[in-house]
């Protein structure tokens, strides 16, 4: 049977918030019987775009990570909901929380290891983004977030599990916190833009009393005595080794150009701009 999945390309998200606004437009003050109670006007972010700044000026970038209910196949909220159907998993992969049966059940909200179940204090119920199930059941081809995204960073797709596994392999898709084993249906492309670290810097040299950037310098990244990556500087003298694990420990950056060389040791916690390396 075909099931719903959401694919988010972190490299394409520009934090325009249109997906989050579409959710608010659809659910704030709107009750969808059988699917969800109204979303509160304030305090809830059923699609929550997290922001992460990497590096230090002037070499810096920002990654945006849209997060929401992962509609997990092995969801802790399903177990917390119990046998009375407070939380149910549909055959098409979508999870719904019954507004009546879940009343007073803050433990359901607390059960989510992703923090994606929101507690409605006024109504005393746990709430999630329902994957726009009420619209999909009416024949809509995609979620509203998919439809309003200007960069195609968010795509809702309905395919067989085997097909989704193939897509995930071919596009190198990842899920959040895979170690939890919850089997999420929200997949991320280019997740490294948010989850990984870089080591970067600039190479310069002095000639005839003038300091200028060095284009085409060879830069090697060394870990435990082994060269793990190599590149040349661009026309601004910049280099950037990305997709490194945060907290990766000691690295050495070795730069060489026109018979001159220099090495710099770097302790990597979060992304590091080592600044100017003068040959």
C-alpha atoms as a PDB file:
ATOM      1  CA  UNK A   1       0.000   0.000   0.000  1.00  0.00           C
ATOM      2  CA  UNK A   2       1.207   3.508  -0.790  1.00  0.00           C
ATOM      3  CA  UNK A   3       1.982   5.668   2.228  1.00  0.00           C
ATOM      4  CA  UNK A   4       2.655   9.351   2.789  1.00  0.00           C
ATOM      5  CA  UNK A   5       6.144  10.716   3.362  1.00  0.00           C
ATOM      6  CA  UNK A   6       7.618  14.213   3.515  1.00  0.00           C
ATOM      7  CA  UNK A   7      11.010  15.045   1.974  1.00  0.00           C
ATOM      8  CA  UNK A   8      12.695  18.264   3.103  1.00  0.00           C
ATOM      9  CA  UNK A   9      15.786  19.632   1.342  1.00  0.00           C
ATOM     10  CA  UNK A  10      17.667  21.566   4.017  1.00  0.00           C
ATOM     11  CA  UNK A  11      19.914  23.197   1.391  1.00  0.00           C
ATOM     12  CA  UNK A  12      16.857  24.740  -0.302  1.00  0.00           C
ATOM     13  CA  UNK A  13      15.002  25.999   2.780  1.00  0.00           C
ATOM     14  CA  UNK A  14      15.276  29.799   2.981  1.00  0.00           C
ATOM     15  CA  UNK A  15      13.250  30.271   6.185  1.00  0.00           C
ATOM     16  CA  UNK A  16      10.442  32.075   4.382  1.00  0.00           C
ATOM     17  CA  UNK A  17       8.015  30.477   6.889  1.00  0.00           C
ATOM     18  CA  UNK A  18       5.337  29.947   4.241  1.00  0.00           C
ATOM     19  CA  UNK A  19       4.863  26.294   5.243  1.00  0.00           C
ATOM     20  CA  UNK A  20       4.415  27.292   8.877  1.00  0.00           C
ATOM     21  CA  UNK A  21       2.011  30.070   7.903  1.00  0.00           C
ATOM     22  CA  UNK A  22       0.013  27.667   5.712  1.00  0.00           C
ATOM     23  CA  UNK A  23      -0.404  25.378   8.721  1.00  0.00           C
ATOM     24  CA  UNK A  24      -1.592  28.278  10.864  1.00  0.00           C
ATOM     25  CA  UNK A  25      -3.994  29.385   8.139  1.00  0.00           C
ATOM     26  CA  UNK A  26      -5.407  25.881   7.907  1.00  0.00           C
ATOM     27  CA  UNK A  27      -5.749  25.043  11.610  1.00  0.00           C
ATOM     28  CA  UNK A  28      -5.954  28.198  13.748  1.00  0.00           C
ATOM     29  CA  UNK A  29      -9.581  28.589  14.834  1.00  0.00           C
ATOM     30  CA  UNK A  30     -10.556  25.774  12.451  1.00  0.00           C
ATOM     31  CA  UNK A  31     -11.843  22.478  13.784  1.00  0.00           C
ATOM     32  CA  UNK A  32     -11.613  19.444  11.543  1.00  0.00           C
ATOM     33  CA  UNK A  33     -13.811  16.756  13.124  1.00  0.00           C
ATOM     34  CA  UNK A  34     -12.158  13.366  13.107  1.00  0.00           C
ATOM     35  CA  UNK A  35      -8.761  14.938  12.500  1.00  0.00           C
ATOM     36  CA  UNK A  36      -7.924  17.775  14.888  1.00  0.00           C
ATOM     37  CA  UNK A  37      -9.212  20.448  17.215  1.00  0.00           C
ATOM     38  CA  UNK A  38      -8.324  24.066  16.394  1.00  0.00           C
ATOM     39  CA  UNK A  39      -4.702  25.130  16.687  1.00  0.00           C
ATOM     40  CA  UNK A  40      -4.126  27.884  19.270  1.00  0.00           C
ATOM     41  CA  UNK A  41      -3.436  31.364  17.929  1.00  0.00           C
ATOM     42  CA  UNK A  42      -0.243  31.623  19.950  1.00  0.00           C
ATOM     43  CA  UNK A  43       2.436  29.308  21.291  1.00  0.00           C
ATOM     44  CA  UNK A  44       2.182  26.396  18.877  1.00  0.00           C
ATOM     45  CA  UNK A  45       4.499  25.782  15.910  1.00  0.00           C
ATOM     46  CA  UNK A  46       3.287  22.591  14.297  1.00  0.00           C
ATOM     47  CA  UNK A  47       5.897  23.186  11.615  1.00  0.00           C
ATOM     48  CA  UNK A  48       8.864  24.655  13.452  1.00  0.00           C
ATOM     49  CA  UNK A  49      11.845  25.896  11.442  1.00  0.00           C
ATOM     50  CA  UNK A  50      14.996  25.685  13.508  1.00  0.00           C
ATOM     51  CA  UNK A  51      18.000  27.837  12.662  1.00  0.00           C
ATOM     52  CA  UNK A  52      21.697  27.080  13.075  1.00  0.00           C
ATOM     53  CA  UNK A  53      24.607  29.427  12.446  1.00  0.00           C
ATOM     54  CA  UNK A  54      27.850  27.748  11.423  1.00  0.00           C
ATOM     55  CA  UNK A  55      31.315  29.271  11.533  1.00  0.00           C
ATOM     56  CA  UNK A  56      32.547  32.721  12.483  1.00  0.00           C
ATOM     57  CA  UNK A  57      32.650  35.966  10.504  1.00  0.00           C
ATOM     58  CA  UNK A  58      33.496  36.463   7.737  1.00  0.00           C
ATOM     59  CA  UNK A  59      33.104  32.739   6.876  1.00  0.00           C
ATOM     60  CA  UNK A  60      29.664  31.898   8.105  1.00  0.00           C
ATOM     61  CA  UNK A  61      26.515  30.186   6.855  1.00  0.00           C
ATOM     62  CA  UNK A  62      23.072  29.477   8.258  1.00  0.00           C
ATOM     63  CA  UNK A  63      21.068  26.274   7.941  1.00  0.00           C
ATOM     64  CA  UNK A  64      17.291  26.069   8.334  1.00  0.00           C
ATOM     65  CA  UNK A  65      15.660  22.837   9.490  1.00  0.00           C
ATOM     66  CA  UNK A  66      11.865  22.500   9.230  1.00  0.00           C
ATOM     67  CA  UNK A  67      10.673  20.075  11.912  1.00  0.00           C
ATOM     68  CA  UNK A  68       7.254  18.622  12.610  1.00  0.00           C
ATOM     69  CA  UNK A  69       5.566  15.417  13.753  1.00  0.00           C
ATOM     70  CA  UNK A  70       7.575  12.642  12.128  1.00  0.00           C
ATOM     71  CA  UNK A  71       4.553  10.317  11.750  1.00  0.00           C
ATOM     72  CA  UNK A  72       6.808   7.491  12.907  1.00  0.00           C
ATOM     73  CA  UNK A  73       5.952   3.875  12.153  1.00  0.00           C
ATOM     74  CA  UNK A  74       7.172   2.869  15.624  1.00  0.00           C
ATOM     75  CA  UNK A  75       6.048   6.015  17.412  1.00  0.00           C
ATOM     76  CA  UNK A  76       6.376   6.330  21.195  1.00  0.00           C
ATOM     77  CA  UNK A  77       3.122   8.316  21.223  1.00  0.00           C
ATOM     78  CA  UNK A  78       1.288   5.261  19.875  1.00  0.00           C
ATOM     79  CA  UNK A  79       2.462   3.258  22.864  1.00  0.00           C
ATOM     80  CA  UNK A  80       1.643   6.111  25.253  1.00  0.00           C
ATOM     81  CA  UNK A  81      -1.818   6.477  23.767  1.00  0.00           C
ATOM     82  CA  UNK A  82      -2.767   2.983  24.822  1.00  0.00           C
ATOM     83  CA  UNK A  83      -5.464   0.679  23.486  1.00  0.00           C
ATOM     84  CA  UNK A  84      -8.356   3.151  23.534  1.00  0.00           C
ATOM     85  CA  UNK A  85      -7.338   4.824  20.256  1.00  0.00           C
ATOM     86  CA  UNK A  86      -6.206   8.157  21.668  1.00  0.00           C
ATOM     87  CA  UNK A  87      -3.405   7.953  19.097  1.00  0.00           C
ATOM     88  CA  UNK A  88      -3.827   5.972  15.907  1.00  0.00           C
ATOM     89  CA  UNK A  89      -1.699   5.139  12.904  1.00  0.00           C
ATOM     90  CA  UNK A  90      -3.554   5.098   9.603  1.00  0.00           C
ATOM     91  CA  UNK A  91      -2.788   2.593   6.887  1.00  0.00           C
ATOM     92  CA  UNK A  92      -1.368   5.424   4.761  1.00  0.00           C
ATOM     93  CA  UNK A  93       1.271   6.184   7.409  1.00  0.00           C
ATOM     94  CA  UNK A  94      -0.352   9.267   8.955  1.00  0.00           C
ATOM     95  CA  UNK A  95      -0.676   9.552  12.737  1.00  0.00           C
ATOM     96  CA  UNK A  96      -3.719  11.257  14.254  1.00  0.00           C
ATOM     97  CA  UNK A  97      -4.363  12.172  17.880  1.00  0.00           C
ATOM     98  CA  UNK A  98      -8.054  12.000  18.828  1.00  0.00           C
ATOM     99  CA  UNK A  99      -9.011  15.319  20.497  1.00  0.00           C
ATOM    100  CA  UNK A 100     -11.637  13.650  22.700  1.00  0.00           C
ATOM    101  CA  UNK A 101      -9.861  10.464  23.736  1.00  0.00           C
ATOM    102  CA  UNK A 102      -6.591  12.295  24.402  1.00  0.00           C
ATOM    103  CA  UNK A 103      -8.104  14.960  26.651  1.00  0.00           C
ATOM    104  CA  UNK A 104      -6.000  15.453  29.772  1.00  0.00           C
ATOM    105  CA  UNK A 105      -3.266  13.178  28.417  1.00  0.00           C
ATOM    106  CA  UNK A 106      -0.181  15.368  28.730  1.00  0.00           C
ATOM    107  CA  UNK A 107       1.845  12.148  28.923  1.00  0.00           C
ATOM    108  CA  UNK A 108       1.204  11.706  25.203  1.00  0.00           C
ATOM    109  CA  UNK A 109       2.835  15.056  24.465  1.00  0.00           C
ATOM    110  CA  UNK A 110       5.726  14.202  26.790  1.00  0.00           C
ATOM    111  CA  UNK A 111       6.295  10.854  25.057  1.00  0.00           C
ATOM    112  CA  UNK A 112       7.634  12.365  21.818  1.00  0.00           C
ATOM    113  CA  UNK A 113      11.461  12.285  21.792  1.00  0.00           C
ATOM    114  CA  UNK A 114      11.473  14.931  19.065  1.00  0.00           C
ATOM    115  CA  UNK A 115       9.371  17.430  21.004  1.00  0.00           C
ATOM    116  CA  UNK A 116       6.927  17.605  18.112  1.00  0.00           C
ATOM    117  CA  UNK A 117       3.684  17.079  20.041  1.00  0.00           C
ATOM    118  CA  UNK A 118       2.310  20.380  21.314  1.00  0.00           C
ATOM    119  CA  UNK A 119       0.265  20.647  24.489  1.00  0.00           C
ATOM    120  CA  UNK A 120      -2.843  22.807  24.207  1.00  0.00           C
ATOM    121  CA  UNK A 121      -3.195  24.164  27.732  1.00  0.00           C
ATOM    122  CA  UNK A 122      -6.604  25.716  27.124  1.00  0.00           C
ATOM    123  CA  UNK A 123      -8.194  22.568  25.717  1.00  0.00           C
ATOM    124  CA  UNK A 124      -5.981  20.176  27.702  1.00  0.00           C
ATOM    125  CA  UNK A 125      -5.100  18.082  24.673  1.00  0.00           C
ATOM    126  CA  UNK A 126      -1.920  17.082  22.803  1.00  0.00           C
ATOM    127  CA  UNK A 127      -1.766  18.239  19.168  1.00  0.00           C
ATOM    128  CA  UNK A 128       0.353  17.637  16.068  1.00  0.00           C
ATOM    129  CA  UNK A 129       0.447  18.609  12.426  1.00  0.00           C
ATOM    130  CA  UNK A 130      -1.851  15.988  10.937  1.00  0.00           C
ATOM    131  CA  UNK A 131      -0.082  15.895   7.558  1.00  0.00           C
ATOM    132  CA  UNK A 132      -3.159  17.750   6.279  1.00  0.00           C
ATOM    133  CA  UNK A 133      -4.957  14.420   6.314  1.00  0.00           C
ATOM    134  CA  UNK A 134      -8.374  16.074   5.985  1.00  0.00           C
ATOM    135  CA  UNK A 135      -7.264  17.687   2.725  1.00  0.00           C
ATOM    136  CA  UNK A 136      -5.561  14.586   1.351  1.00  0.00           C
ATOM    137  CA  UNK A 137      -8.715  12.596   2.072  1.00  0.00           C
ATOM    138  CA  UNK A 138     -10.619  15.129  -0.052  1.00  0.00           C
ATOM    139  CA  UNK A 139      -8.322  14.399  -2.974  1.00  0.00           C
ATOM    140  CA  UNK A 140      -5.671  17.066  -2.579  1.00  0.00           C
ATOM    141  CA  UNK A 141      -2.493  15.799  -4.294  1.00  0.00           C
ATOM    142  CA  UNK A 142      -0.108  17.302  -1.741  1.00  0.00           C
ATOM    143  CA  UNK A 143       0.066  19.021   1.623  1.00  0.00           C
ATOM    144  CA  UNK A 144      -0.294  22.783   1.803  1.00  0.00           C
ATOM    145  CA  UNK A 145       3.339  23.118   2.854  1.00  0.00           C
ATOM    146  CA  UNK A 146       4.374  21.398  -0.361  1.00  0.00           C
ATOM    147  CA  UNK A 147       2.140  23.647  -2.432  1.00  0.00           C
ATOM    148  CA  UNK A 148       3.313  26.966  -0.973  1.00  0.00           C
ATOM    149  CA  UNK A 149       7.061  26.252  -0.786  1.00  0.00           C
ATOM    150  CA  UNK A 150       8.752  28.604  -3.299  1.00  0.00           C
ATOM    151  CA  UNK A 151      11.995  26.630  -3.514  1.00  0.00           C
ATOM    152  CA  UNK A 152      10.568  23.081  -3.620  1.00  0.00           C
ATOM    153  CA  UNK A 153      12.352  22.414  -0.333  1.00  0.00           C
ATOM    154  CA  UNK A 154       9.313  20.535   0.989  1.00  0.00           C
ATOM    155  CA  UNK A 155       7.703  17.688  -0.945  1.00  0.00           C
ATOM    156  CA  UNK A 156       4.954  15.334   0.168  1.00  0.00           C
ATOM    157  CA  UNK A 157       4.987  12.035  -1.713  1.00  0.00           C
ATOM    158  CA  UNK A 158       2.823   8.922  -1.496  1.00  0.00           C
ATOM    159  CA  UNK A 159       4.655   5.746  -2.508  1.00  0.00           C
ATOM    160  CA  UNK A 160       5.116   2.135  -1.484  1.00  0.00           C
ATOM    161  CA  UNK A 161       7.607   1.594   1.338  1.00  0.00           C
ATOM    162  CA  UNK A 162       9.987  -0.186  -1.038  1.00  0.00           C
ATOM    163  CA  UNK A 163       9.922   2.782  -3.405  1.00  0.00           C
ATOM    164  CA  UNK A 164      10.537   5.204  -0.527  1.00  0.00           C
ATOM    165  CA  UNK A 165      13.518   3.125   0.587  1.00  0.00           C
ATOM    166  CA  UNK A 166      14.909   3.327  -2.957  1.00  0.00           C
ATOM    167  CA  UNK A 167      14.421   7.097  -3.086  1.00  0.00           C
ATOM    168  CA  UNK A 168      16.114   7.459   0.298  1.00  0.00           C
ATOM    169  CA  UNK A 169      19.130   5.467  -0.882  1.00  0.00           C
ATOM    170  CA  UNK A 170      19.500   7.248  -4.219  1.00  0.00           C
ATOM    171  CA  UNK A 171      19.077  10.751  -2.786  1.00  0.00           C
ATOM    172  CA  UNK A 172      21.040  10.070   0.428  1.00  0.00           C
ATOM    173  CA  UNK A 173      18.043  11.006   2.565  1.00  0.00           C
ATOM    174  CA  UNK A 174      18.290  10.903   6.344  1.00  0.00           C
ATOM    175  CA  UNK A 175      15.904  11.036   9.285  1.00  0.00           C
ATOM    176  CA  UNK A 176      16.304  12.858  12.577  1.00  0.00           C
ATOM    177  CA  UNK A 177      17.706  10.856  15.495  1.00  0.00           C
ATOM    178  CA  UNK A 178      17.873   7.509  13.676  1.00  0.00           C
ATOM    179  CA  UNK A 179      19.324   5.952  16.827  1.00  0.00           C
ATOM    180  CA  UNK A 180      15.855   6.124  18.408  1.00  0.00           C
ATOM    181  CA  UNK A 181      14.548   3.516  15.968  1.00  0.00           C
ATOM    182  CA  UNK A 182      11.149   5.206  15.622  1.00  0.00           C
ATOM    183  CA  UNK A 183      11.101   4.880  11.809  1.00  0.00           C
ATOM    184  CA  UNK A 184      10.110   8.467  10.884  1.00  0.00           C
ATOM    185  CA  UNK A 185       8.326   9.342   7.654  1.00  0.00           C
ATOM    186  CA  UNK A 186       9.894  12.812   7.486  1.00  0.00           C
ATOM    187  CA  UNK A 187      13.097  12.558   5.435  1.00  0.00           C
ATOM    188  CA  UNK A 188      15.848  15.129   4.987  1.00  0.00           C
ATOM    189  CA  UNK A 189      18.099  15.813   2.035  1.00  0.00           C
ATOM    190  CA  UNK A 190      21.368  17.680   2.657  1.00  0.00           C
ATOM    191  CA  UNK A 191      20.876  17.373   6.404  1.00  0.00           C
ATOM    192  CA  UNK A 192      24.609  18.022   6.767  1.00  0.00           C
ATOM    193  CA  UNK A 193      23.860  21.720   6.203  1.00  0.00           C
ATOM    194  CA  UNK A 194      22.432  21.682   9.712  1.00  0.00           C
ATOM    195  CA  UNK A 195      23.973  18.706  11.473  1.00  0.00           C
ATOM    196  CA  UNK A 196      27.615  18.735  10.341  1.00  0.00           C
ATOM    197  CA  UNK A 197      30.562  21.088  10.828  1.00  0.00           C
ATOM    198  CA  UNK A 198      33.199  22.670   8.612  1.00  0.00           C
ATOM    199  CA  UNK A 199      36.769  23.864   8.886  1.00  0.00           C
ATOM    200  CA  UNK A 200      37.538  26.821   6.640  1.00  0.00           C
ATOM    201  CA  UNK A 201      39.852  29.741   6.247  1.00  0.00           C
ATOM    202  CA  UNK A 202      41.783  31.960   3.853  1.00  0.00           C
ATOM    203  CA  UNK A 203      45.319  31.734   2.480  1.00  0.00           C
ATOM    204  CA  UNK A 204      47.411  34.836   1.830  1.00  0.00           C
ATOM    205  CA  UNK A 205      50.997  35.722   1.032  1.00  0.00           C
ATOM    206  CA  UNK A 206      53.139  38.863   0.913  1.00  0.00           C
ATOM    207  CA  UNK A 207      54.962  39.878  -2.266  1.00  0.00           C
ATOM    208  CA  UNK A 208      56.779  43.179  -2.802  1.00  0.00           C
ATOM    209  CA  UNK A 209      55.267  44.565   0.352  1.00  0.00           C
ATOM    210  CA  UNK A 210      51.702  43.745  -0.710  1.00  0.00           C
ATOM    211  CA  UNK A 211      49.575  41.093   1.013  1.00  0.00           C
ATOM    212  CA  UNK A 212      47.160  39.352  -1.313  1.00  0.00           C
ATOM    213  CA  UNK A 213      45.012  36.230  -1.358  1.00  0.00           C
ATOM    214  CA  UNK A 214      46.509  33.083  -2.853  1.00  0.00           C
ATOM    215  CA  UNK A 215      44.416  31.393  -5.485  1.00  0.00           C
ATOM    216  CA  UNK A 216      45.120  27.741  -6.288  1.00  0.00           C
ATOM    217  CA  UNK A 217      47.010  26.922  -3.081  1.00  0.00           C
ATOM    218  CA  UNK A 218      46.809  23.252  -2.127  1.00  0.00           C
ATOM    219  CA  UNK A 219      45.103  22.640   1.209  1.00  0.00           C
ATOM    220  CA  UNK A 220      45.031  19.269   2.903  1.00  0.00           C
ATOM    221  CA  UNK A 221      42.983  18.229   5.910  1.00  0.00           C
ATOM    222  CA  UNK A 222      44.822  15.742   8.096  1.00  0.00           C
ATOM    223  CA  UNK A 223      43.373  13.593  10.878  1.00  0.00           C
ATOM    224  CA  UNK A 224      45.509  11.257  12.998  1.00  0.00           C
ATOM    225  CA  UNK A 225      48.390  11.629  10.564  1.00  0.00           C
ATOM    226  CA  UNK A 226      46.292  10.700   7.512  1.00  0.00           C
ATOM    227  CA  UNK A 227      45.194  13.082   4.779  1.00  0.00           C
ATOM    228  CA  UNK A 228      41.411  12.752   4.573  1.00  0.00           C
ATOM    229  CA  UNK A 229      40.602  15.562   2.104  1.00  0.00           C
ATOM    230  CA  UNK A 230      42.351  17.922  -0.287  1.00  0.00           C
ATOM    231  CA  UNK A 231      41.302  21.006  -2.241  1.00  0.00           C
ATOM    232  CA  UNK A 232      42.668  24.192  -3.778  1.00  0.00           C
ATOM    233  CA  UNK A 233      41.785  27.714  -2.694  1.00  0.00           C
ATOM    234  CA  UNK A 234      39.373  29.764  -4.785  1.00  0.00           C
ATOM    235  CA  UNK A 235      40.056  33.179  -6.303  1.00  0.00           C
ATOM    236  CA  UNK A 236      39.585  34.774  -2.882  1.00  0.00           C
ATOM    237  CA  UNK A 237      42.088  32.402  -1.302  1.00  0.00           C
ATOM    238  CA  UNK A 238      39.317  30.644   0.632  1.00  0.00           C
ATOM    239  CA  UNK A 239      38.963  26.953   1.436  1.00  0.00           C
ATOM    240  CA  UNK A 240      36.242  25.023   3.256  1.00  0.00           C
ATOM    241  CA  UNK A 241      36.154  21.375   4.338  1.00  0.00           C
ATOM    242  CA  UNK A 242      32.542  20.515   5.121  1.00  0.00           C
ATOM    243  CA  UNK A 243      30.455  17.545   6.322  1.00  0.00           C
ATOM    244  CA  UNK A 244      32.724  16.928   9.324  1.00  0.00           C
ATOM    245  CA  UNK A 245      31.354  15.546  12.582  1.00  0.00           C
ATOM    246  CA  UNK A 246      30.845  18.112  15.301  1.00  0.00           C
ATOM    247  CA  UNK A 247      33.174  17.470  18.218  1.00  0.00           C
ATOM    248  CA  UNK A 248      35.547  15.705  15.831  1.00  0.00           C
ATOM    249  CA  UNK A 249      38.643  16.599  17.826  1.00  0.00           C
ATOM    250  CA  UNK A 250      42.096  17.528  16.532  1.00  0.00           C
ATOM    251  CA  UNK A 251      42.715  18.192  12.842  1.00  0.00           C
ATOM    252  CA  UNK A 252      45.664  19.696  10.995  1.00  0.00           C
ATOM    253  CA  UNK A 253      45.265  22.053   8.053  1.00  0.00           C
ATOM    254  CA  UNK A 254      48.320  21.960   5.776  1.00  0.00           C
ATOM    255  CA  UNK A 255      48.702  24.670   3.112  1.00  0.00           C
ATOM    256  CA  UNK A 256      51.286  24.764   0.319  1.00  0.00           C
ATOM    257  CA  UNK A 257      51.880  27.045  -2.662  1.00  0.00           C
ATOM    258  CA  UNK A 258      54.923  27.989  -4.762  1.00  0.00           C
ATOM    259  CA  UNK A 259      57.342  26.152  -2.526  1.00  0.00           C
ATOM    260  CA  UNK A 260      56.006  27.616   0.705  1.00  0.00           C
ATOM    261  CA  UNK A 261      53.935  25.724   3.256  1.00  0.00           C
ATOM    262  CA  UNK A 262      52.341  26.127   6.654  1.00  0.00           C
ATOM    263  CA  UNK A 263      50.379  23.912   9.043  1.00  0.00           C
ATOM    264  CA  UNK A 264      47.712  24.915  11.549  1.00  0.00           C
ATOM    265  CA  UNK A 265      46.222  22.650  14.230  1.00  0.00           C
ATOM    266  CA  UNK A 266      42.480  22.942  14.751  1.00  0.00           C
ATOM    267  CA  UNK A 267      40.353  21.533  17.583  1.00  0.00           C
ATOM    268  CA  UNK A 268      36.930  20.978  16.064  1.00  0.00           C
ATOM    269  CA  UNK A 269      33.893  21.340  18.245  1.00  0.00           C
ATOM    270  CA  UNK A 270      31.422  23.275  16.121  1.00  0.00           C
ATOM    271  CA  UNK A 271      32.278  24.774  12.729  1.00  0.00           C
ATOM    272  CA  UNK A 272      35.533  26.700  12.707  1.00  0.00           C
ATOM    273  CA  UNK A 273      36.832  29.550  10.609  1.00  0.00           C
ATOM    274  CA  UNK A 274      40.579  29.456  11.274  1.00  0.00           C
ATOM    275  CA  UNK A 275      40.961  32.870   9.681  1.00  0.00           C
ATOM    276  CA  UNK A 276      43.917  33.977   7.590  1.00  0.00           C
ATOM    277  CA  UNK A 277      46.839  31.615   7.059  1.00  0.00           C
ATOM    278  CA  UNK A 278      49.805  33.671   5.912  1.00  0.00           C
ATOM    279  CA  UNK A 279      52.396  31.751   3.871  1.00  0.00           C
END
